[in-house]
Amino acid sequence: MNRIPMTVEGEKALREELTRLKGVERPRISQAIAEARELGDLKENAEYHAAREQQGFVEARIKDIEGKLSHAQVIDITTITKTGKVIFGVTLQLVNLEDDQEVEYKIVGDDEADIKANKISVNSPIARALIGKEEGDVVVVNTPSGQVEYEIDEVQHV
């Protein structure tokens, strides 16, 4: 399987979620199942079925996170020498050449992407258009509303 690029923060968040799922959620659900079993007939026991369903979701998420972490390629951008080139993990300042509006994005892994926090996936159209470019370059990005020209104002390794 291919390596999954991930920032240090993304790996930390997944490990924290995994710890919470294994240490808090699993025991809580096991307790709920045990209590529901004590109520008797399992065929018509809604609490039992709800707890079993929740258990399935938690176990699937644990397996998913463990798989991602086992294939993760954690990239600490702060240890990479700044060259002005756009690479995975950088935070960039872009200027929309149409309206001079500035925007800041951090290029992260798929699981870390959060447009509200200005974190875009390395596989998004805008990130794919920016990767490999340098400060001062003008980049044309194809968006659903048409082409947008951005100038790369600054590349930061934070």
Protein backbone atom coordinates (compact mmCIF):
# COMPACT_ATOMS: atom_id res chain seq x y z
CA MET A 1 0.00 0.00 0.00
CA ASN A 2 1.13 3.54 -0.67
CA ARG A 3 2.44 5.78 2.07
CA ILE A 4 -0.08 8.32 3.38
CA PRO A 5 1.44 11.79 3.83
CA MET A 6 0.56 13.30 7.18
CA THR A 7 1.68 16.30 9.20
CA VAL A 8 2.94 15.94 12.76
CA GLU A 9 -0.29 17.56 14.02
CA GLY A 10 -2.41 15.15 11.97
CA GLU A 11 -0.61 12.12 13.36
CA LYS A 12 -0.98 13.46 16.92
CA ALA A 13 -4.73 14.00 16.44
CA LEU A 14 -5.21 10.45 15.10
CA ARG A 15 -3.20 8.95 17.97
CA GLU A 16 -5.27 10.92 20.51
CA GLU A 17 -8.51 9.74 18.89
CA LEU A 18 -7.24 6.15 18.89
CA THR A 19 -6.33 6.39 22.59
CA ARG A 20 -9.79 7.82 23.40
CA LEU A 21 -11.59 5.13 21.39
CA LYS A 22 -9.63 2.28 22.99
CA GLY A 23 -9.46 3.69 26.52
CA VAL A 24 -12.84 5.38 26.94
CA GLU A 25 -15.35 4.38 24.25
CA ARG A 26 -14.60 0.64 24.09
CA PRO A 27 -15.01 0.08 27.86
CA ARG A 28 -18.12 2.29 27.97
CA ILE A 29 -19.78 0.34 25.14
CA SER A 30 -18.79 -3.02 26.67
CA GLN A 31 -20.40 -1.90 29.93
CA ALA A 32 -23.56 -0.81 28.08
CA ILE A 33 -23.77 -4.21 26.33
CA ALA A 34 -23.34 -6.03 29.63
CA GLU A 35 -26.08 -3.95 31.26
CA ALA A 36 -28.42 -4.48 28.31
CA ARG A 37 -27.85 -8.26 28.44
CA GLU A 38 -28.98 -8.28 32.04
CA LEU A 39 -32.36 -6.86 30.98
CA GLY A 40 -33.33 -10.15 29.38
CA ASP A 41 -34.69 -10.95 25.90
CA LEU A 42 -32.08 -9.69 23.40
CA LYS A 43 -34.42 -9.87 20.38
CA GLU A 44 -36.51 -6.95 21.55
CA ASN A 45 -33.84 -5.12 23.53
CA ALA A 46 -33.26 -1.75 21.83
CA GLU A 47 -30.45 -0.76 24.22
CA TYR A 48 -28.54 -3.94 23.37
CA HIS A 49 -28.90 -3.44 19.61
CA ALA A 50 -27.91 0.24 19.85
CA ALA A 51 -24.81 -0.61 21.89
CA ARG A 52 -23.81 -3.40 19.47
CA GLU A 53 -24.22 -1.02 16.53
CA GLN A 54 -22.13 1.61 18.30
CA GLN A 55 -19.52 -1.04 19.05
CA GLY A 56 -19.31 -1.85 15.34
CA PHE A 57 -18.74 1.79 14.46
CA VAL A 58 -16.03 2.21 17.09
CA GLU A 59 -14.21 -0.99 16.09
CA ALA A 60 -14.31 0.04 12.41
CA ARG A 61 -12.90 3.48 13.25
CA ILE A 62 -10.14 1.92 15.38
CA LYS A 63 -9.18 -0.38 12.50
CA ASP A 64 -9.26 2.55 10.06
CA ILE A 65 -7.01 4.73 12.23
CA GLU A 66 -4.56 1.90 12.90
CA GLY A 67 -4.33 1.26 9.15
CA LYS A 68 -3.68 4.91 8.39
CA LEU A 69 -1.04 5.22 11.10
CA SER A 70 0.73 2.06 9.92
CA HIS A 71 1.02 3.54 6.42
CA ALA A 72 1.65 7.13 7.48
CA GLN A 73 4.62 9.07 6.24
CA VAL A 74 4.86 11.81 8.87
CA ILE A 75 6.43 14.96 7.48
CA ASP A 76 7.69 17.61 9.89
CA ILE A 77 7.88 20.71 7.71
CA THR A 78 9.83 22.64 10.34
CA THR A 79 12.85 20.36 9.80
CA ILE A 80 12.95 20.93 6.04
CA THR A 81 15.11 23.77 4.72
CA LYS A 82 13.04 26.66 3.36
CA THR A 83 13.54 27.04 -0.38
CA GLY A 84 10.46 29.07 -1.29
CA LYS A 85 9.04 26.06 -3.11
CA VAL A 86 5.52 24.77 -2.41
CA ILE A 87 5.68 21.28 -0.89
CA PHE A 88 3.51 19.16 1.42
CA GLY A 89 3.03 20.74 4.84
CA VAL A 90 3.81 24.35 3.98
CA THR A 91 1.58 27.29 4.81
CA LEU A 92 1.21 29.70 1.93
CA GLN A 93 -0.02 33.20 1.39
CA LEU A 94 -1.79 33.58 -1.96
CA VAL A 95 -3.08 36.70 -3.67
CA ASN A 96 -6.08 36.39 -5.96
CA LEU A 97 -5.01 38.48 -8.96
CA GLU A 98 -8.62 39.23 -9.92
CA ASP A 99 -9.61 41.05 -6.71
CA ASP A 100 -6.28 41.34 -4.77
CA GLN A 101 -7.80 39.32 -1.92
CA GLU A 102 -5.25 37.45 0.20
CA VAL A 103 -5.84 33.92 1.42
CA GLU A 104 -3.73 31.55 3.53
CA TYR A 105 -3.71 27.78 3.12
CA LYS A 106 -1.81 24.93 4.72
CA ILE A 107 -1.31 21.85 2.54
CA VAL A 108 -2.10 18.74 4.60
CA GLY A 109 -3.08 15.09 4.20
CA ASP A 110 -6.57 14.01 3.15
CA ASP A 111 -7.74 13.23 6.71
CA GLU A 112 -6.55 16.58 8.05
CA ALA A 113 -8.20 18.76 5.43
CA ASP A 114 -10.57 21.37 6.88
CA ILE A 115 -11.43 24.28 4.62
CA LYS A 116 -12.86 26.26 7.57
CA ALA A 117 -9.40 26.10 9.18
CA ASN A 118 -7.74 26.89 5.79
CA LYS A 119 -6.22 23.40 5.59
CA ILE A 120 -6.45 21.93 2.10
CA SER A 121 -5.77 18.37 1.02
CA VAL A 122 -2.61 17.70 -0.93
CA ASN A 123 -4.90 15.99 -3.46
CA SER A 124 -7.22 18.99 -3.92
CA PRO A 125 -7.16 20.80 -7.28
CA ILE A 126 -5.67 23.97 -5.78
CA ALA A 127 -2.89 22.10 -3.95
CA ARG A 128 -2.06 20.03 -7.03
CA ALA A 129 -1.77 23.24 -9.04
CA LEU A 130 0.51 24.82 -6.41
CA ILE A 131 2.87 21.92 -5.58
CA GLY A 132 6.30 22.50 -7.11
CA LYS A 133 5.78 26.20 -7.75
CA GLU A 134 7.80 28.93 -6.00
CA GLU A 135 7.25 32.27 -4.31
CA GLY A 136 6.36 34.90 -6.92
CA ASP A 137 4.93 32.39 -9.40
CA VAL A 138 1.47 32.96 -10.85
CA VAL A 139 -0.67 29.82 -10.82
CA VAL A 140 -3.93 29.21 -12.67
CA VAL A 141 -6.32 27.02 -10.69
CA ASN A 142 -9.34 25.36 -12.28
CA THR A 143 -12.33 25.73 -9.95
CA PRO A 144 -15.99 24.84 -10.46
CA SER A 145 -16.69 28.53 -11.11
CA GLY A 146 -13.89 28.84 -13.68
CA GLN A 147 -10.19 29.58 -13.70
CA VAL A 148 -8.67 31.66 -10.91
CA GLU A 149 -5.18 33.17 -11.00
CA TYR A 150 -3.20 33.27 -7.76
CA GLU A 151 0.23 34.68 -7.09
CA ILE A 152 2.26 32.84 -4.45
CA ASP A 153 3.19 35.64 -2.06
CA GLU A 154 4.95 33.67 0.69
CA VAL A 155 5.78 30.06 1.57
CA GLN A 156 6.22 29.35 5.29
CA HIS A 157 7.54 26.27 7.05
CA VAL A 158 5.50 26.45 10.26
